[in-house]
Protein backbone atom coordinates (compact mmCIF):
# COMPACT_ATOMS: atom_id res chain seq x y z
CA MET A 1 6.24 -9.83 30.77
CA ARG A 2 9.67 -9.79 29.20
CA ARG A 3 12.77 -9.47 31.33
CA ARG A 4 16.00 -8.65 29.58
CA SER A 5 19.16 -10.03 31.05
CA HIS A 6 21.77 -8.02 29.14
CA PRO A 7 20.27 -5.39 26.85
CA ALA A 8 22.61 -3.87 24.31
CA ASP A 9 20.45 -0.80 23.99
CA LEU A 10 17.35 0.70 25.54
CA THR A 11 15.01 0.38 22.57
CA ASP A 12 11.46 -0.64 23.47
CA LEU A 13 12.00 -0.54 27.22
CA HIS A 14 9.11 0.85 29.25
CA ILE A 15 10.22 3.61 31.58
CA LEU A 16 8.29 5.56 34.20
CA VAL A 17 9.46 9.15 34.57
CA VAL A 18 8.38 10.89 37.76
CA GLU A 19 8.93 14.65 37.63
CA ASP A 20 6.85 17.56 38.91
CA ASN A 21 8.50 20.25 36.77
CA GLU A 22 6.58 20.41 33.49
CA LEU A 23 9.54 21.57 31.39
CA ASN A 24 11.93 18.97 32.85
CA LEU A 25 9.30 16.29 32.24
CA GLU A 26 8.76 17.39 28.65
CA ILE A 27 12.50 17.37 27.92
CA ALA A 28 12.94 13.94 29.51
CA VAL A 29 10.04 12.43 27.59
CA PHE A 30 11.28 13.89 24.31
CA SER A 31 14.84 12.60 24.70
CA LEU A 32 13.80 9.17 26.00
CA GLU A 33 11.24 8.63 23.24
CA ALA A 34 13.84 9.76 20.67
CA ALA A 35 16.08 6.99 22.05
CA GLY A 36 13.33 4.44 21.36
CA LEU A 37 11.90 4.03 24.85
CA ASN A 38 8.23 3.79 25.75
CA VAL A 39 7.58 6.45 28.38
CA SER A 40 4.90 6.80 31.03
CA THR A 41 4.84 9.79 33.35
CA ALA A 42 3.77 10.79 36.84
CA ILE A 43 3.90 14.28 38.33
CA ASN A 44 4.49 13.28 41.95
CA GLY A 45 5.51 10.31 44.04
CA LEU A 46 1.99 9.29 45.01
CA GLU A 47 0.93 9.14 41.37
CA ALA A 48 4.04 7.05 40.62
CA VAL A 49 3.22 4.55 43.36
CA GLN A 50 -0.38 4.31 42.14
CA LEU A 51 0.72 3.76 38.52
CA PHE A 52 3.18 1.09 39.61
CA GLU A 53 0.53 -0.65 41.73
CA LYS A 54 -1.89 -0.73 38.77
CA SER A 55 0.72 -1.95 36.29
CA LYS A 56 1.36 -5.58 35.44
CA PRO A 57 4.42 -7.13 37.10
CA TYR A 58 7.57 -6.24 35.15
CA GLU A 59 5.67 -3.74 32.99
CA TYR A 60 8.16 -1.03 33.90
CA ASP A 61 11.80 -1.76 33.13
CA ILE A 62 13.13 1.35 34.92
CA ILE A 63 11.81 4.20 37.05
CA LEU A 64 13.40 7.66 36.92
CA MET A 65 12.38 9.42 40.13
CA ASP A 66 12.78 13.09 40.96
CA ILE A 67 13.48 13.59 44.65
CA MET A 68 11.87 16.96 45.45
CA MET A 69 8.16 16.83 44.58
CA PRO A 70 4.88 17.88 46.17
CA VAL A 71 2.29 15.41 47.52
CA MET A 72 4.90 12.63 47.98
CA ASN A 73 8.62 13.07 47.45
CA GLY A 74 10.76 10.62 45.53
CA LEU A 75 12.36 9.05 48.58
CA ASP A 76 8.99 8.15 50.11
CA ALA A 77 7.72 6.94 46.74
CA ALA A 78 10.72 4.65 46.30
CA LYS A 79 10.21 3.23 49.81
CA ALA A 80 6.52 2.66 49.06
CA ILE A 81 7.28 0.87 45.77
CA ARG A 82 9.95 -1.29 47.42
CA GLY A 83 7.42 -2.23 50.12
CA LEU A 84 4.77 -3.54 47.74
CA SER A 85 3.97 -7.25 47.68
CA ARG A 86 4.76 -8.06 44.08
CA PRO A 87 7.72 -9.75 42.43
CA ASP A 88 9.12 -6.69 40.65
CA ALA A 89 8.81 -4.23 43.55
CA THR A 90 12.26 -5.04 44.87
CA THR A 91 13.97 -5.48 41.52
CA VAL A 92 12.79 -2.67 39.23
CA PRO A 93 15.71 -0.25 38.92
CA ILE A 94 14.88 3.14 40.44
CA ILE A 95 17.20 6.01 39.54
CA ALA A 96 17.10 9.15 41.66
CA LEU A 97 17.15 12.44 39.76
CA SER A 98 18.23 15.38 41.86
CA ALA A 99 19.90 18.76 41.71
CA ASN A 100 21.69 17.76 44.91
CA ALA A 101 24.88 15.75 44.62
CA PHE A 102 26.08 15.83 48.21
CA ALA A 103 27.17 12.52 49.73
CA GLU A 104 24.27 12.61 52.22
CA ASP A 105 21.77 12.99 49.35
CA ILE A 106 23.20 9.93 47.62
CA VAL A 107 23.07 7.98 50.88
CA ARG A 108 19.42 8.97 51.46
CA SER A 109 18.55 7.83 47.93
CA SER A 110 20.22 4.49 48.54
CA GLU A 111 18.53 4.06 51.92
CA ALA A 112 15.16 4.69 50.26
CA GLY A 113 15.82 1.77 47.93
CA MET A 114 17.07 3.62 44.88
CA ASP A 115 19.74 1.94 42.78
CA ALA A 116 21.54 5.03 41.48
CA HIS A 117 21.63 8.81 41.88
CA ILE A 118 22.04 11.12 38.89
CA THR A 119 22.35 14.86 39.24
CA LYS A 120 20.47 17.43 37.21
CA PRO A 121 20.91 18.74 34.64
CA ILE A 122 20.91 15.20 33.28
CA ASP A 123 23.70 14.08 31.02
CA GLU A 124 21.97 11.78 28.50
CA ASN A 125 25.04 9.57 28.03
CA GLU A 126 25.49 9.18 31.79
CA LEU A 127 21.82 8.28 32.17
CA LYS A 128 21.96 5.73 29.34
CA GLU A 129 25.09 4.09 30.76
CA CYS A 130 23.51 3.97 34.21
CA MET A 131 20.32 2.36 32.87
CA LEU A 132 22.27 -0.23 30.86
CA ARG A 133 24.46 -1.05 33.87
CA LEU A 134 21.46 -1.49 36.17
CA LEU A 135 19.57 -3.64 33.67
CA ALA A 136 22.60 -5.84 33.08
CA SER A 137 22.94 -6.45 36.84
CA ARG A 138 19.35 -7.74 37.15
């Protein structure tokens, strides 16, 4: 699968959006697809882990992971993905999406293996810059 070293834009990237709130998920999918991304979705952390496990290595370029979800929260899902025995499990950028912006929330996201923490409501420009920065550092 393709691996971009320094993308100039996000067009044609494959992104996994993990969000249990139907409206938030719909808004995210709409804005990401409008920006030219290919979007897959999961409604909880367990579903995200299962989708990642079934995907081909490097199929997903980025994962956007809500923190507070039923079944399996985003922190546990990130830990599970990072613990998988496949080459992209430790390198796929995972961005935490949370309404909480306290320092301890950001630390917990990082400790779970997430690469960045963005607060809701999501600023599209901030998200795009974060994704480009993370992809360029890979």
